[in-house]
Protein backbone atom coordinates (compact mmCIF):
# COMPACT_ATOMS: atom_id res chain seq x y z
CA UNK A 1 -18.26 -1.80 -23.85
CA UNK A 2 -19.03 -3.16 -20.50
CA UNK A 3 -16.05 -3.87 -18.20
CA UNK A 4 -16.16 -6.47 -15.52
CA UNK A 5 -15.30 -4.19 -12.49
CA UNK A 6 -17.19 -1.12 -13.56
CA UNK A 7 -20.79 -0.05 -13.74
CA UNK A 8 -22.13 0.76 -17.14
CA UNK A 9 -23.44 4.11 -15.65
CA UNK A 10 -19.75 5.13 -14.81
CA UNK A 11 -18.55 4.36 -18.33
CA UNK A 12 -21.42 6.28 -19.76
CA UNK A 13 -20.66 9.19 -17.34
CA UNK A 14 -17.03 9.31 -18.46
CA UNK A 15 -18.00 9.32 -22.14
CA UNK A 16 -20.37 12.24 -21.55
CA UNK A 17 -17.79 14.12 -19.26
CA UNK A 18 -14.97 13.62 -21.84
CA UNK A 19 -17.23 15.11 -24.53
CA UNK A 20 -17.59 18.43 -22.61
CA UNK A 21 -15.39 21.35 -23.23
CA UNK A 22 -12.18 21.40 -20.89
CA UNK A 23 -11.35 24.79 -19.42
CA UNK A 24 -8.82 26.37 -16.84
CA UNK A 25 -9.84 27.38 -13.43
CA UNK A 26 -8.44 30.97 -12.86
CA UNK A 27 -9.59 33.42 -10.15
CA UNK A 28 -12.86 31.41 -9.43
CA UNK A 29 -13.86 31.24 -13.11
CA UNK A 30 -13.67 28.69 -15.93
CA UNK A 31 -11.69 30.09 -18.87
CA UNK A 32 -11.08 28.59 -22.27
CA UNK A 33 -7.38 28.13 -23.13
CA UNK A 34 -5.76 30.55 -25.49
CA UNK A 35 -2.81 28.27 -26.32
CA UNK A 36 -2.24 25.32 -28.54
CA UNK A 37 -4.76 22.49 -28.91
CA UNK A 38 -3.73 19.27 -27.13
CA UNK A 39 -5.10 15.77 -27.29
CA UNK A 40 -5.38 13.63 -24.12
CA UNK A 41 -4.94 9.97 -25.32
CA UNK A 42 -5.83 6.72 -23.94
CA UNK A 43 -2.47 4.82 -23.87
CA UNK A 44 -4.21 1.44 -23.67
CA UNK A 45 -5.94 2.03 -27.14
CA UNK A 46 -4.32 4.94 -28.93
CA UNK A 47 -7.75 6.76 -28.93
CA UNK A 48 -8.02 10.32 -28.13
CA UNK A 49 -10.10 10.83 -24.97
CA UNK A 50 -10.60 14.66 -25.22
CA UNK A 51 -9.08 17.77 -26.73
CA UNK A 52 -7.91 20.74 -24.54
CA UNK A 53 -6.90 24.29 -25.63
CA UNK A 54 -3.90 24.76 -23.32
CA UNK A 55 -3.25 27.88 -21.32
CA UNK A 56 -0.76 30.25 -22.73
CA UNK A 57 1.76 32.27 -20.79
CA UNK A 58 -0.55 35.17 -20.22
CA UNK A 59 -3.21 32.95 -18.68
CA UNK A 60 -0.62 31.24 -16.60
CA UNK A 61 0.58 34.45 -15.18
CA UNK A 62 -3.04 35.55 -14.71
CA UNK A 63 -3.52 32.63 -12.34
CA UNK A 64 -0.40 33.60 -10.38
CA UNK A 65 -1.72 37.22 -10.10
CA UNK A 66 -5.03 35.82 -8.89
CA UNK A 67 -3.47 33.68 -6.16
CA UNK A 68 -1.21 36.43 -5.08
CA UNK A 69 -4.26 38.79 -4.87
CA UNK A 70 -6.09 36.20 -2.72
CA UNK A 71 -3.03 35.81 -0.51
CA UNK A 72 -2.58 39.55 -0.06
CA UNK A 73 -6.36 40.03 0.95
CA UNK A 74 -5.65 37.34 3.76
CA UNK A 75 -9.11 35.88 2.87
CA UNK A 76 -7.63 32.47 3.67
CA UNK A 77 -4.44 32.88 5.44
CA UNK A 78 -5.67 34.81 8.41
CA UNK A 79 -8.89 32.81 8.99
CA UNK A 80 -9.12 30.58 12.12
CA UNK A 81 -7.15 27.39 11.20
CA UNK A 82 -9.64 25.05 12.73
CA UNK A 83 -12.78 26.72 11.33
CA UNK A 84 -11.69 27.81 7.88
CA UNK A 85 -9.03 25.53 6.85
CA UNK A 86 -9.36 22.20 8.51
CA UNK A 87 -13.13 21.91 7.78
CA UNK A 88 -12.51 22.76 4.09
CA UNK A 89 -9.78 20.27 3.82
CA UNK A 90 -12.11 17.61 5.29
CA UNK A 91 -14.80 18.77 2.80
CA UNK A 92 -12.40 18.04 -0.16
CA UNK A 93 -11.60 14.63 1.29
CA UNK A 94 -15.38 13.81 1.32
CA UNK A 95 -15.68 14.98 -2.21
CA UNK A 96 -12.97 12.48 -3.14
CA UNK A 97 -14.59 9.71 -1.23
CA UNK A 98 -17.91 10.28 -2.74
CA UNK A 99 -16.50 10.27 -6.35
CA UNK A 100 -13.78 7.35 -5.92
CA UNK A 101 -15.07 5.41 -8.89
CA UNK A 102 -15.19 8.29 -11.36
CA UNK A 103 -11.99 9.83 -10.40
CA UNK A 104 -10.18 6.41 -10.56
CA UNK A 105 -11.62 5.80 -14.05
CA UNK A 106 -10.47 8.96 -15.31
CA UNK A 107 -6.94 8.23 -13.87
CA UNK A 108 -6.77 4.84 -15.56
CA UNK A 109 -8.01 6.07 -18.83
CA UNK A 110 -5.45 8.74 -19.17
CA UNK A 111 -2.49 7.15 -17.41
CA UNK A 112 -2.79 3.48 -18.57
CA UNK A 113 -2.48 2.01 -15.00
CA UNK A 114 -5.07 -0.54 -14.18
CA UNK A 115 -8.31 0.67 -12.67
CA UNK A 116 -7.70 -1.37 -9.60
CA UNK A 117 -4.33 0.33 -9.14
CA UNK A 118 -6.00 3.74 -9.44
CA UNK A 119 -8.57 2.94 -6.85
CA UNK A 120 -6.56 1.16 -4.30
CA UNK A 121 -3.13 2.89 -4.73
CA UNK A 122 -4.16 6.35 -5.70
CA UNK A 123 -7.55 7.80 -5.10
CA UNK A 124 -8.46 6.57 -1.64
CA UNK A 125 -5.19 7.81 -0.47
CA UNK A 126 -5.85 11.23 -1.87
CA UNK A 127 -8.77 11.63 0.56
CA UNK A 128 -6.54 10.35 3.37
CA UNK A 129 -4.01 13.07 2.52
CA UNK A 130 -6.60 15.84 3.02
CA UNK A 131 -7.76 14.31 6.17
CA UNK A 132 -4.24 14.04 7.57
CA UNK A 133 -3.30 17.66 6.79
CA UNK A 134 -6.63 18.92 8.02
CA UNK A 135 -5.29 17.68 11.48
CA UNK A 136 -2.24 19.78 11.21
CA UNK A 137 -3.78 23.21 10.71
CA UNK A 138 -3.67 23.94 14.53
CA UNK A 139 -0.69 21.89 15.47
CA UNK A 140 2.24 23.26 13.58
CA UNK A 141 3.36 26.40 15.52
CA UNK A 142 6.57 28.31 16.46
CA UNK A 143 8.31 28.42 19.69
CA UNK A 144 9.81 30.63 22.43
CA UNK A 145 13.50 31.19 22.45
CA UNK A 146 15.65 31.44 25.63
CA UNK A 147 17.06 34.92 25.51
CA UNK A 148 18.37 37.47 27.93
CA UNK A 149 16.09 39.06 30.66
CA UNK A 150 14.06 42.00 29.55
CA UNK A 151 13.54 40.36 26.06
CA UNK A 152 11.01 38.09 24.68
CA UNK A 153 11.67 36.27 21.38
CA UNK A 154 9.32 34.00 19.68
CA UNK A 155 8.97 32.48 16.33
CA UNK A 156 5.84 32.12 14.14
CA UNK A 157 5.06 30.15 11.01
CA UNK A 158 3.80 32.34 8.31
CA UNK A 159 2.48 31.07 4.87
CA UNK A 160 5.02 31.37 2.08
CA UNK A 161 2.36 32.87 -0.19
CA UNK A 162 1.58 31.61 -3.75
CA UNK A 163 2.64 28.02 -4.26
CA UNK A 164 2.98 26.71 -7.87
CA UNK A 165 2.47 22.92 -7.67
CA UNK A 166 3.59 20.99 -10.73
CA UNK A 167 2.57 17.33 -10.58
CA UNK A 168 3.89 14.39 -12.79
CA UNK A 169 1.72 11.99 -14.87
CA UNK A 170 2.49 8.81 -12.96
CA UNK A 171 0.32 9.41 -10.04
CA UNK A 172 -1.54 12.50 -11.04
CA UNK A 173 -4.27 13.12 -8.43
CA UNK A 174 -2.08 11.51 -5.57
CA UNK A 175 0.78 13.99 -6.21
CA UNK A 176 -1.52 16.81 -6.58
CA UNK A 177 -3.13 16.04 -3.28
CA UNK A 178 0.41 15.67 -1.60
CA UNK A 179 0.99 19.31 -2.76
CA UNK A 180 -2.37 21.01 -2.45
CA UNK A 181 -3.42 19.74 1.05
CA UNK A 182 -0.25 21.07 3.04
CA UNK A 183 -0.15 24.22 1.13
CA UNK A 184 -3.77 25.00 2.04
CA UNK A 185 -3.39 23.76 5.48
CA UNK A 186 -0.58 26.40 6.12
CA UNK A 187 -2.62 29.21 4.62
CA UNK A 188 -1.18 29.48 1.05
CA UNK A 189 -2.82 30.06 -2.20
CA UNK A 190 -2.30 27.51 -5.06
CA UNK A 191 -1.77 27.31 -8.73
CA UNK A 192 -1.97 23.71 -9.79
CA UNK A 193 -0.44 22.49 -12.89
CA UNK A 194 -0.97 18.82 -13.69
CA UNK A 195 0.76 16.95 -16.44
CA UNK A 196 -0.77 17.66 -19.78
CA UNK A 197 -0.77 13.85 -20.37
CA UNK A 198 -2.91 13.09 -17.25
CA UNK A 199 -5.05 16.14 -16.20
CA UNK A 200 -8.46 14.52 -16.11
CA UNK A 201 -8.88 13.40 -12.45
CA UNK A 202 -7.48 16.62 -11.10
CA UNK A 203 -9.57 18.72 -13.44
CA UNK A 204 -12.72 16.82 -12.25
CA UNK A 205 -11.80 17.38 -8.61
CA UNK A 206 -11.55 21.01 -9.12
CA UNK A 207 -14.94 20.92 -10.81
CA UNK A 208 -16.43 19.26 -7.77
CA UNK A 209 -14.72 21.79 -5.48
CA UNK A 210 -16.01 24.74 -7.52
CA UNK A 211 -19.61 23.30 -7.65
CA UNK A 212 -19.92 22.20 -3.97
CA UNK A 213 -17.61 24.54 -1.85
CA UNK A 214 -17.37 28.12 -1.17
CA UNK A 215 -13.74 29.04 -1.19
CA UNK A 216 -12.25 32.58 -1.63
CA UNK A 217 -11.62 33.53 -5.20
CA UNK A 218 -8.11 33.02 -6.38
CA UNK A 219 -7.30 30.58 -3.57
CA UNK A 220 -7.24 27.52 -5.97
CA UNK A 221 -6.28 27.95 -9.66
CA UNK A 222 -5.80 25.21 -12.16
CA UNK A 223 -3.87 25.63 -15.52
CA UNK A 224 -3.41 22.93 -18.12
CA UNK A 225 -0.41 23.49 -20.20
CA UNK A 226 2.80 21.83 -21.38
CA UNK A 227 6.12 22.05 -19.58
CA UNK A 228 7.52 24.90 -21.64
CA UNK A 229 4.57 27.19 -20.76
CA UNK A 230 4.69 26.13 -17.17
CA UNK A 231 8.19 27.73 -17.07
CA UNK A 232 6.16 31.00 -16.51
CA UNK A 233 5.24 29.76 -13.07
CA UNK A 234 8.97 29.20 -11.99
CA UNK A 235 9.92 32.77 -13.27
CA UNK A 236 6.93 34.61 -12.17
CA UNK A 237 7.44 37.09 -9.23
CA UNK A 238 3.86 36.54 -8.31
CA UNK A 239 4.80 32.97 -7.24
CA UNK A 240 6.78 32.42 -3.98
CA UNK A 241 7.24 28.65 -3.90
CA UNK A 242 7.44 25.91 -6.49
CA UNK A 243 6.96 22.27 -5.58
CA UNK A 244 7.86 19.93 -8.42
CA UNK A 245 7.87 16.27 -8.89
CA UNK A 246 9.43 14.79 -12.07
CA UNK A 247 12.71 14.55 -13.92
CA UNK A 248 16.14 15.74 -12.50
CA UNK A 249 16.69 17.71 -15.63
CA UNK A 250 13.59 19.77 -15.22
CA UNK A 251 14.38 20.27 -11.51
CA UNK A 252 17.76 21.80 -12.39
CA UNK A 253 15.93 24.15 -14.76
CA UNK A 254 13.47 25.15 -11.98
CA UNK A 255 16.23 25.98 -9.62
CA UNK A 256 17.95 28.05 -12.28
CA UNK A 257 14.59 29.92 -12.98
CA UNK A 258 14.15 30.55 -9.33
CA UNK A 259 17.48 32.08 -8.88
CA UNK A 260 16.99 34.30 -11.93
CA UNK A 261 13.62 35.68 -10.63
CA UNK A 262 12.60 36.24 -6.94
CA UNK A 263 14.57 33.38 -5.23
CA UNK A 264 11.42 31.57 -4.56
CA UNK A 265 11.54 28.45 -2.30
CA UNK A 266 11.79 25.17 -4.17
CA UNK A 267 10.99 21.71 -3.34
CA UNK A 268 12.00 18.92 -5.76
CA UNK A 269 11.14 15.19 -5.73
CA UNK A 270 13.08 13.94 -8.50
CA UNK A 271 14.40 10.51 -10.03
CA UNK A 272 15.69 7.41 -8.64
CA UNK A 273 17.65 4.31 -9.35
CA UNK A 274 16.93 2.47 -6.21
CA UNK A 275 18.67 -0.79 -5.21
CA UNK A 276 17.32 -3.65 -3.29
CA UNK A 277 19.85 -5.94 -1.57
CA UNK A 278 19.19 -9.59 -0.96
CA UNK A 279 21.45 -11.40 1.42
CA UNK A 280 21.95 -15.18 1.48
CA UNK A 281 20.33 -15.44 4.87
CA UNK A 282 17.22 -13.70 3.94
CA UNK A 283 14.24 -15.22 5.92
CA UNK A 284 11.15 -16.29 3.89
CA UNK A 285 13.00 -15.65 0.62
CA UNK A 286 9.96 -16.47 -1.63
CA UNK A 287 7.86 -13.77 0.07
CA UNK A 288 10.78 -11.38 -0.19
CA UNK A 289 10.93 -12.06 -3.86
CA UNK A 290 7.20 -11.71 -4.35
CA UNK A 291 7.09 -8.30 -2.59
CA UNK A 292 10.14 -6.89 -4.36
CA UNK A 293 8.84 -8.00 -7.79
CA UNK A 294 5.38 -6.45 -6.95
CA UNK A 295 6.86 -2.99 -5.91
CA UNK A 296 9.11 -3.06 -8.94
CA UNK A 297 6.56 -3.88 -11.65
CA UNK A 298 3.33 -2.49 -10.34
CA UNK A 299 2.07 0.68 -11.91
CA UNK A 300 4.02 -0.65 -14.94
CA UNK A 301 7.28 0.45 -13.40
CA UNK A 302 6.50 4.22 -13.72
CA UNK A 303 7.51 5.02 -10.17
CA UNK A 304 10.47 7.01 -8.87
CA UNK A 305 11.14 4.93 -5.83
CA UNK A 306 10.72 1.44 -7.28
CA UNK A 307 13.68 -0.89 -6.71
CA UNK A 308 15.04 -0.96 -10.33
CA UNK A 309 18.26 -2.71 -9.32
CA UNK A 310 18.19 -6.12 -7.45
CA UNK A 311 21.62 -6.73 -5.85
CA UNK A 312 21.52 -10.48 -5.06
CA UNK A 313 24.09 -12.40 -2.99
CA UNK A 314 25.83 -15.06 -5.11
CA UNK A 315 24.55 -18.10 -2.91
CA UNK A 316 20.96 -17.35 -3.95
CA UNK A 317 21.40 -15.51 -7.08
CA UNK A 318 20.31 -18.29 -9.40
CA UNK A 319 17.39 -19.25 -7.31
CA UNK A 320 16.07 -15.51 -7.05
CA UNK A 321 16.48 -14.90 -10.79
CA UNK A 322 14.55 -18.19 -11.74
CA UNK A 323 11.72 -17.10 -9.48
CA UNK A 324 11.76 -13.44 -11.00
CA UNK A 325 11.70 -14.73 -14.55
CA UNK A 326 8.78 -17.05 -13.84
CA UNK A 327 6.83 -14.27 -12.10
CA UNK A 328 7.49 -11.84 -15.09
CA UNK A 329 6.36 -14.39 -17.68
CA UNK A 330 3.17 -15.03 -15.86
CA UNK A 331 2.09 -11.25 -15.88
CA UNK A 332 -1.04 -10.38 -17.91
CA UNK A 333 -0.81 -7.24 -19.80
CA UNK A 334 -4.11 -5.82 -21.22
CA UNK A 335 -7.17 -3.64 -20.80
CA UNK A 336 -6.70 -1.54 -17.57
CA UNK A 337 -10.47 -1.77 -16.96
CA UNK A 338 -10.62 -5.63 -16.59
CA UNK A 339 -9.98 -7.21 -13.37
CA UNK A 340 -7.73 -9.98 -14.91
CA UNK A 341 -5.18 -7.40 -16.07
CA UNK A 342 -2.04 -7.10 -13.94
CA UNK A 343 -0.15 -4.60 -15.89
CA UNK A 344 -1.57 -1.61 -17.93
CA UNK A 345 -0.09 0.49 -20.73
CA UNK A 346 2.93 2.95 -20.43
CA UNK A 347 1.56 6.52 -19.98
CA UNK A 348 2.55 8.06 -23.28
CA UNK A 349 4.18 7.25 -26.57
CA UNK A 350 7.48 9.22 -25.82
CA UNK A 351 7.85 7.20 -22.67
CA UNK A 352 7.06 3.98 -24.38
CA UNK A 353 9.67 4.65 -26.96
CA UNK A 354 12.18 5.71 -24.22
CA UNK A 355 11.75 2.44 -22.47
CA UNK A 356 12.22 0.34 -25.63
CA UNK A 357 15.27 2.15 -26.50
CA UNK A 358 16.80 1.42 -23.01
CA UNK A 359 15.93 -2.14 -23.48
CA UNK A 360 17.86 -2.34 -26.80
CA UNK A 361 20.74 -0.68 -24.95
CA UNK A 362 20.43 -3.18 -22.06
CA UNK A 363 20.81 -6.06 -24.65
CA UNK A 364 24.26 -4.76 -25.52
CA UNK A 365 25.29 -4.58 -21.89
CA UNK A 366 23.89 -7.64 -20.14
CA UNK A 367 21.95 -10.85 -20.57
CA UNK A 368 18.20 -10.51 -21.24
CA UNK A 369 16.28 -13.31 -19.26
CA UNK A 370 12.70 -12.02 -19.48
CA UNK A 371 10.54 -9.72 -21.63
CA UNK A 372 12.46 -7.31 -23.72
CA UNK A 373 9.73 -6.28 -26.22
CA UNK A 374 6.45 -4.64 -26.56
CA UNK A 375 3.23 -6.39 -25.93
CA UNK A 376 0.16 -6.30 -28.50
CA UNK A 377 -2.43 -6.89 -25.67
CA UNK A 378 -4.13 -3.43 -26.58
CA UNK A 379 -7.05 -3.07 -28.81
CA UNK A 380 -5.94 -3.61 -32.32
CA UNK A 381 -2.38 -3.98 -31.07
CA UNK A 382 -2.21 -0.32 -30.57
CA UNK A 383 -1.71 -0.07 -26.87
CA UNK A 384 1.59 1.06 -25.29
CA UNK A 385 2.39 -2.24 -23.49
CA UNK A 386 5.76 -3.52 -22.54
CA UNK A 387 6.40 -6.96 -21.18
CA UNK A 388 8.05 -7.05 -17.79
CA UNK A 389 11.81 -7.11 -18.66
CA UNK A 390 14.70 -8.48 -16.57
CA UNK A 391 18.44 -8.31 -17.47
CA UNK A 392 20.90 -10.55 -15.50
CA UNK A 393 24.54 -10.13 -14.63
CA UNK A 394 24.29 -6.32 -15.26
CA UNK A 395 27.58 -4.53 -14.65
CA UNK A 396 27.18 -1.73 -12.10
CA UNK A 397 28.56 0.76 -14.65
CA UNK A 398 26.01 -0.20 -17.28
CA UNK A 399 23.62 2.54 -18.53
CA UNK A 400 20.61 0.36 -17.47
CA UNK A 401 22.10 0.27 -14.01
CA UNK A 402 23.02 3.89 -13.89
CA UNK A 403 20.16 5.79 -15.58
CA UNK A 404 16.49 6.20 -14.67
CA UNK A 405 14.30 4.24 -17.13
CA UNK A 406 10.99 4.63 -15.52
CA UNK A 407 9.26 1.55 -16.83
CA UNK A 408 9.12 -2.24 -16.28
CA UNK A 409 12.89 -2.93 -16.72
CA UNK A 410 14.83 -4.62 -13.87
CA UNK A 411 18.62 -4.93 -13.58
CA UNK A 412 19.99 -7.94 -11.60
CA UNK A 413 23.50 -7.96 -10.36
CA UNK A 414 25.32 -10.65 -8.16
CA UNK A 415 27.64 -9.57 -5.28
CA UNK A 416 29.85 -11.47 -2.81
CA UNK A 417 30.26 -9.31 0.30
CA UNK A 418 28.26 -6.79 2.20
CA UNK A 419 30.99 -4.12 1.33
CA UNK A 420 30.62 -4.74 -2.35
CA UNK A 421 26.77 -4.52 -2.15
CA UNK A 422 27.03 -1.13 -0.36
CA UNK A 423 29.43 0.13 -2.94
CA UNK A 424 27.19 -0.86 -5.85
CA UNK A 425 24.08 0.23 -4.17
CA UNK A 426 25.57 3.83 -3.60
CA UNK A 427 27.23 3.89 -6.97
CA UNK A 428 24.76 6.15 -8.74
CA UNK A 429 23.88 9.87 -8.84
CA UNK A 430 20.55 9.20 -7.23
CA UNK A 431 19.68 8.45 -3.66
CA UNK A 432 16.03 8.13 -3.26
CA UNK A 433 15.30 4.77 -1.70
CA UNK A 434 16.97 1.37 -1.00
CA UNK A 435 15.92 -1.95 0.34
CA UNK A 436 17.68 -4.65 2.40
CA UNK A 437 16.54 -8.26 2.90
CA UNK A 438 18.43 -10.11 5.58
CA UNK A 439 17.76 -12.45 8.60
CA UNK A 440 20.62 -10.73 10.55
CA UNK A 441 19.35 -7.84 12.56
CA UNK A 442 22.89 -6.47 13.16
CA UNK A 443 23.75 -6.69 9.52
CA UNK A 444 20.50 -4.99 8.54
CA UNK A 445 21.36 -1.95 10.84
CA UNK A 446 24.95 -1.81 9.57
CA UNK A 447 23.81 -1.65 5.90
CA UNK A 448 20.96 0.62 6.43
CA UNK A 449 23.19 3.12 8.14
CA UNK A 450 25.74 3.04 5.16
CA UNK A 451 23.18 3.28 2.28
CA UNK A 452 23.11 6.67 0.88
CA UNK A 453 19.40 6.86 0.49
CA UNK A 454 16.62 9.22 1.87
CA UNK A 455 14.45 6.17 2.56
CA UNK A 456 15.60 2.55 3.59
CA UNK A 457 13.32 -0.40 3.72
CA UNK A 458 14.41 -3.40 5.63
CA UNK A 459 12.77 -6.79 4.99
CA UNK A 460 9.84 -5.24 3.18
CA UNK A 461 10.46 -2.88 0.30
CA UNK A 462 8.05 0.06 -0.07
CA UNK A 463 6.74 1.10 3.35
CA UNK A 464 4.96 4.46 3.01
CA UNK A 465 2.81 6.46 5.38
CA UNK A 466 1.69 9.91 5.55
CA UNK A 467 3.32 10.28 9.00
CA UNK A 468 6.75 9.42 7.69
CA UNK A 469 8.83 11.68 5.36
CA UNK A 470 9.21 10.90 1.68
CA UNK A 471 12.30 12.21 -0.31
CA UNK A 472 15.77 11.30 -1.20
CA UNK A 473 19.46 12.42 -1.29
CA UNK A 474 21.77 13.49 -4.00
CA UNK A 475 20.15 14.16 -7.51
CA UNK A 476 16.91 12.68 -6.18
CA UNK A 477 15.68 16.04 -4.93
CA UNK A 478 15.53 18.76 -2.33
CA UNK A 479 13.26 18.61 0.69
CA UNK A 480 10.64 16.16 1.89
CA UNK A 481 7.04 15.43 1.17
CA UNK A 482 4.46 13.92 3.71
CA UNK A 483 4.57 14.23 7.43
CA UNK A 484 5.39 17.35 9.50
CA UNK A 485 8.51 17.70 7.29
CA UNK A 486 6.54 18.88 4.33
CA UNK A 487 4.89 21.76 6.33
CA UNK A 488 8.15 23.60 6.85
CA UNK A 489 8.62 24.02 3.09
CA UNK A 490 5.12 25.69 3.02
CA UNK A 491 5.87 28.18 5.70
CA UNK A 492 8.35 30.88 6.70
CA UNK A 493 9.80 31.15 10.21
CA UNK A 494 9.47 34.84 11.51
CA UNK A 495 11.48 35.83 14.52
CA UNK A 496 9.97 38.54 16.74
CA UNK A 497 11.64 40.37 19.55
CA UNK A 498 9.88 42.27 22.26
CA UNK A 499 11.73 44.46 24.80
CA UNK A 500 10.02 44.76 28.22
CA UNK A 501 12.96 45.94 30.33
CA UNK A 502 13.79 49.48 31.63
CA UNK A 503 13.93 52.10 29.01
């Protein structure tokens, strides 16, 4: 069926591509999986997009061995940074830009997000990520230390080695790019493990790279498997670093596996329950409400850093709530490939059921004022759509205010004083992000300083840039992504002493 924002040729291409056998990329070869059969489904229709024979643990270990062999050969790590690394990263960026439409289509089909979200929020940014880190290949270096006469001490930045990169299903290619680009820029080899729910765009990018670029064998590896099989990467002694984005529970298991194997380096970008605080003196309140609503409910609420808790000062509480409810009721759920659709389908059935279960819990804890049920906008009513849902007067101890739901469910809580707002905002086990809206610059600084979050947004929630670090405190993770801060996690600092004094 022709969609109003896509060319018929792109849809035909997607159908043809999905019908082809899907394999794993290990040591420069495409290899059929030896594990269980898996169906990648379209969450907007319930239809099977393609079937994949997943990799088994032996194949996953083989990918780690291949990556380690490449690293030990120094075929990538010791090449001139500008010549061999930056140019290749820029070449990957060009491949992404040349194939934006098809990559975004595959992302939308498997994830359920709207095609426009996939294009504008995800795929173009993937190209920018590779371009950004291409610029770092010859700029991240060590230092000379002030030591006693007769000695020279300097530090160098060495690659970690083999990096196992485990990406989630909410921003599949974007998260893969955030990990692959800095890993390659710093001279490492890679084993990429996308989510089994949304592997398509990443798989196609690897096909393009293999077809059009000449990289050392074993430098880039791609394994398609479920989370249980992926544990092999976290215990393998051929893996030296794991970068994981996903749930806090899985993050804990990765830390345990690292400690039980070779104490590999671990970077974790985990869950969130981020607050957005609206004070009575917020300037341009309507614009603040619109922005906060958008970042909360875009991508159907499947974002770790979204502001899932609105803390609203009592003087404006009723007004803000009325505006939010009206905005939620106006949202159009439906076919992600139509320009009229504002909210797509939840990514998979397990997540769909999880969200609906939390909504039922919320009905016993607070006042439901919008949504609260599935939407039958999918073809034949089979799509995994959930109406934007808002709860009012949510106690700060409620489960829907404490636990990550990862869906279009917003908790609204009134507060009286700034101290109360800070107490409620900090009162969860997470500390990823937080927002503050106020017309008082002094108050903004005081509140931002007290919020226990790795990222604080003042008067515009959701400001992101590749030159600024992304990451949280507490159970929201370890380490940072983006910017120079991510590069440290893909390198090891080596201290070298040289004695040149009298013997």
